[in-house]
Amino acid sequence: MNLNKVFIIGNLTRDPELRQTPSGQPVCSFGVATNSYYTDRNGVKQTSTEFHNIVLWGKQAELANQFLTKGSNVFVEGRLQTRSWEGKDGQQRKTTEIVGERVQFGPRPSGRVDETLKSKPSEKSAVDSEPVEEIPVIDIDADEIKPEDLPF
């Protein structure tokens, strides 16, 4: 049995770069940084950062290029792939990257203004104008609940 599966959640280290293959297939690449936190022997909290190269194909590549920017939070599910090529200096080069199979965009970084809000600053967004549904609170006295009445 074999398995090549990667899940990462991190922030983009650079804006996505969209290109097209000679056949017209869109391909997007960007970097993602992930952090690990640990406490060293002396009890000092430490941070370790890993950097990952991500490659997306097709519609996902176009969407990532459209909606992601440097600093964006992203969840990537994919597989590891190592490629080889010859550099400009004639040396053989290798890189390992994550080929994304599923991508979910996280919340937008703070301080970023939506383009639709820039053009119409006086209008509120649809989310702001929707009525807030009040969630009912059920007040039950703990003495009224009997364990034999619970369905599980």
Protein backbone atom coordinates (compact mmCIF):
# COMPACT_ATOMS: atom_id res chain seq x y z
CA MET A 1 0.00 0.00 0.00
CA ASN A 2 1.29 3.49 -0.88
CA LEU A 3 0.13 6.93 0.17
CA ASN A 4 1.36 10.35 -0.93
CA LYS A 5 -0.87 12.93 0.78
CA VAL A 6 -0.08 16.35 2.22
CA PHE A 7 -2.25 18.76 4.25
CA ILE A 8 -0.92 22.19 5.14
CA ILE A 9 -2.42 25.40 6.47
CA GLY A 10 -0.28 28.48 6.21
CA ASN A 11 0.21 31.94 4.74
CA LEU A 12 1.35 32.86 1.25
CA THR A 13 4.94 34.13 1.13
CA ARG A 14 4.46 35.76 -2.28
CA ASP A 15 1.68 36.64 -4.70
CA PRO A 16 0.57 33.73 -6.92
CA GLU A 17 2.16 33.56 -10.37
CA LEU A 18 -0.16 32.38 -13.15
CA ARG A 19 1.29 30.94 -16.37
CA GLN A 20 0.00 28.77 -19.17
CA THR A 21 1.49 25.67 -20.71
CA PRO A 22 1.99 25.66 -24.51
CA SER A 23 -1.32 23.77 -24.76
CA GLY A 24 -3.13 26.55 -22.85
CA GLN A 25 -3.48 24.78 -19.48
CA PRO A 26 -3.33 27.32 -16.59
CA VAL A 27 -0.75 26.63 -13.87
CA CYS A 28 -0.25 28.74 -10.76
CA SER A 29 2.63 28.63 -8.30
CA PHE A 30 3.15 30.30 -4.93
CA GLY A 31 4.91 29.75 -1.65
CA VAL A 32 3.33 28.94 1.72
CA ALA A 33 4.94 29.26 5.15
CA THR A 34 3.86 27.05 8.04
CA ASN A 35 4.88 27.57 11.67
CA SER A 36 5.55 25.04 14.42
CA TYR A 37 5.75 26.05 18.06
CA TYR A 38 7.66 24.21 20.74
CA THR A 39 9.42 24.73 24.07
CA ASP A 40 13.18 24.10 24.16
CA ARG A 41 15.15 22.47 27.01
CA ASN A 42 15.44 25.78 28.82
CA GLY A 43 11.66 26.31 28.81
CA VAL A 44 11.79 29.05 26.19
CA LYS A 45 9.03 29.02 23.57
CA GLN A 46 10.43 28.72 20.05
CA THR A 47 8.98 29.05 16.54
CA SER A 48 10.14 27.05 13.56
CA THR A 49 9.02 28.01 10.03
CA GLU A 50 8.93 25.74 7.00
CA PHE A 51 8.50 27.00 3.44
CA HIS A 52 6.59 25.03 0.80
CA ASN A 53 6.24 25.51 -2.95
CA ILE A 54 2.68 24.95 -4.19
CA VAL A 55 1.56 24.23 -7.76
CA LEU A 56 -2.09 24.32 -8.87
CA TRP A 57 -3.55 23.42 -12.25
CA GLY A 58 -6.68 24.31 -14.21
CA LYS A 59 -9.58 26.21 -12.66
CA GLN A 60 -8.02 26.08 -9.19
CA ALA A 61 -4.94 27.85 -10.57
CA GLU A 62 -7.10 30.64 -12.01
CA LEU A 63 -9.11 31.05 -8.78
CA ALA A 64 -6.00 31.10 -6.60
CA ASN A 65 -4.47 33.78 -8.82
CA GLN A 66 -7.69 35.81 -8.63
CA PHE A 67 -8.34 35.63 -4.87
CA LEU A 68 -5.03 34.98 -3.09
CA THR A 69 -2.33 37.52 -2.31
CA LYS A 70 0.83 37.55 -0.23
CA GLY A 71 -0.15 36.97 3.41
CA SER A 72 -3.43 35.16 2.58
CA ASN A 73 -4.29 32.17 4.73
CA VAL A 74 -4.79 28.96 2.74
CA PHE A 75 -5.44 25.25 3.28
CA VAL A 76 -3.86 22.99 0.66
CA GLU A 77 -4.46 19.27 0.22
CA GLY A 78 -2.25 17.59 -2.33
CA ARG A 79 0.70 15.32 -3.01
CA LEU A 80 4.46 15.69 -2.99
CA GLN A 81 6.24 15.72 -6.33
CA THR A 82 9.93 16.07 -7.13
CA ARG A 83 10.98 17.49 -10.50
CA SER A 84 14.38 17.72 -12.16
CA TRP A 85 15.58 20.21 -14.76
CA GLU A 86 18.79 21.64 -16.12
CA GLY A 87 19.63 25.15 -14.90
CA LYS A 88 20.98 28.00 -17.03
CA ASP A 89 24.46 27.10 -15.83
CA GLY A 90 24.08 23.52 -17.14
CA GLN A 91 23.77 21.97 -13.66
CA GLN A 92 21.04 19.48 -12.83
CA ARG A 93 18.54 20.92 -10.34
CA LYS A 94 15.77 19.29 -8.29
CA THR A 95 12.84 20.71 -6.38
CA THR A 96 10.13 19.13 -4.29
CA GLU A 97 6.74 20.81 -4.37
CA ILE A 98 3.16 20.18 -3.35
CA VAL A 99 0.79 19.66 -6.26
CA GLY A 100 -2.53 20.91 -4.90
CA GLU A 101 -5.58 18.76 -5.44
CA ARG A 102 -7.92 20.79 -3.20
CA VAL A 103 -7.51 24.34 -1.95
CA GLN A 104 -9.58 26.31 0.53
CA PHE A 105 -9.08 30.03 0.98
CA GLY A 106 -8.94 31.36 4.52
CA PRO A 107 -10.14 34.73 5.76
CA ARG A 108 -8.65 37.73 3.99
CA PRO A 109 -5.72 39.40 5.74
CA SER A 110 -6.72 42.32 7.94
CA GLY A 111 -6.33 45.74 6.39
CA ARG A 112 -7.31 44.54 2.93
CA VAL A 113 -10.28 46.36 1.45
CA ASP A 114 -12.61 44.53 -0.90
CA GLU A 115 -12.58 46.04 -4.40
CA THR A 116 -16.39 46.26 -4.44
CA LEU A 117 -16.32 48.37 -1.29
CA LYS A 118 -13.72 50.74 -2.77
CA SER A 119 -15.98 51.62 -5.70
CA LYS A 120 -19.13 52.11 -3.59
CA PRO A 121 -18.10 53.30 -0.11
CA SER A 122 -21.57 54.62 0.76
CA GLU A 123 -23.34 51.29 0.19
CA LYS A 124 -23.34 48.59 2.85
CA SER A 125 -22.58 45.02 1.91
CA ALA A 126 -25.39 42.48 1.81
CA VAL A 127 -24.00 40.84 4.95
CA ASP A 128 -24.27 44.08 6.92
CA SER A 129 -27.88 44.70 5.85
CA GLU A 130 -29.23 41.24 6.71
CA PRO A 131 -31.25 41.09 9.93
CA VAL A 132 -29.55 39.30 12.77
CA GLU A 133 -31.47 36.25 13.93
CA GLU A 134 -31.72 36.05 17.66
CA ILE A 135 -30.91 32.62 19.05
CA PRO A 136 -33.36 31.54 21.75
CA VAL A 137 -31.96 30.63 25.15
CA ILE A 138 -33.63 27.76 26.96
CA ASP A 139 -33.35 28.04 30.69
CA ILE A 140 -33.55 24.60 32.31
CA ASP A 141 -33.08 23.92 35.95
CA ALA A 142 -30.46 21.18 36.42
CA ASP A 143 -32.75 19.44 38.93
CA GLU A 144 -35.35 18.88 36.18
CA ILE A 145 -32.97 16.70 34.09
CA LYS A 146 -32.94 13.02 35.05
CA PRO A 147 -30.31 10.63 33.65
CA GLU A 148 -32.97 8.03 32.79
CA ASP A 149 -34.67 10.57 30.49
CA LEU A 150 -31.54 11.00 28.32
CA PRO A 151 -31.78 9.12 25.02
CA PHE A 152 -28.18 7.92 25.10
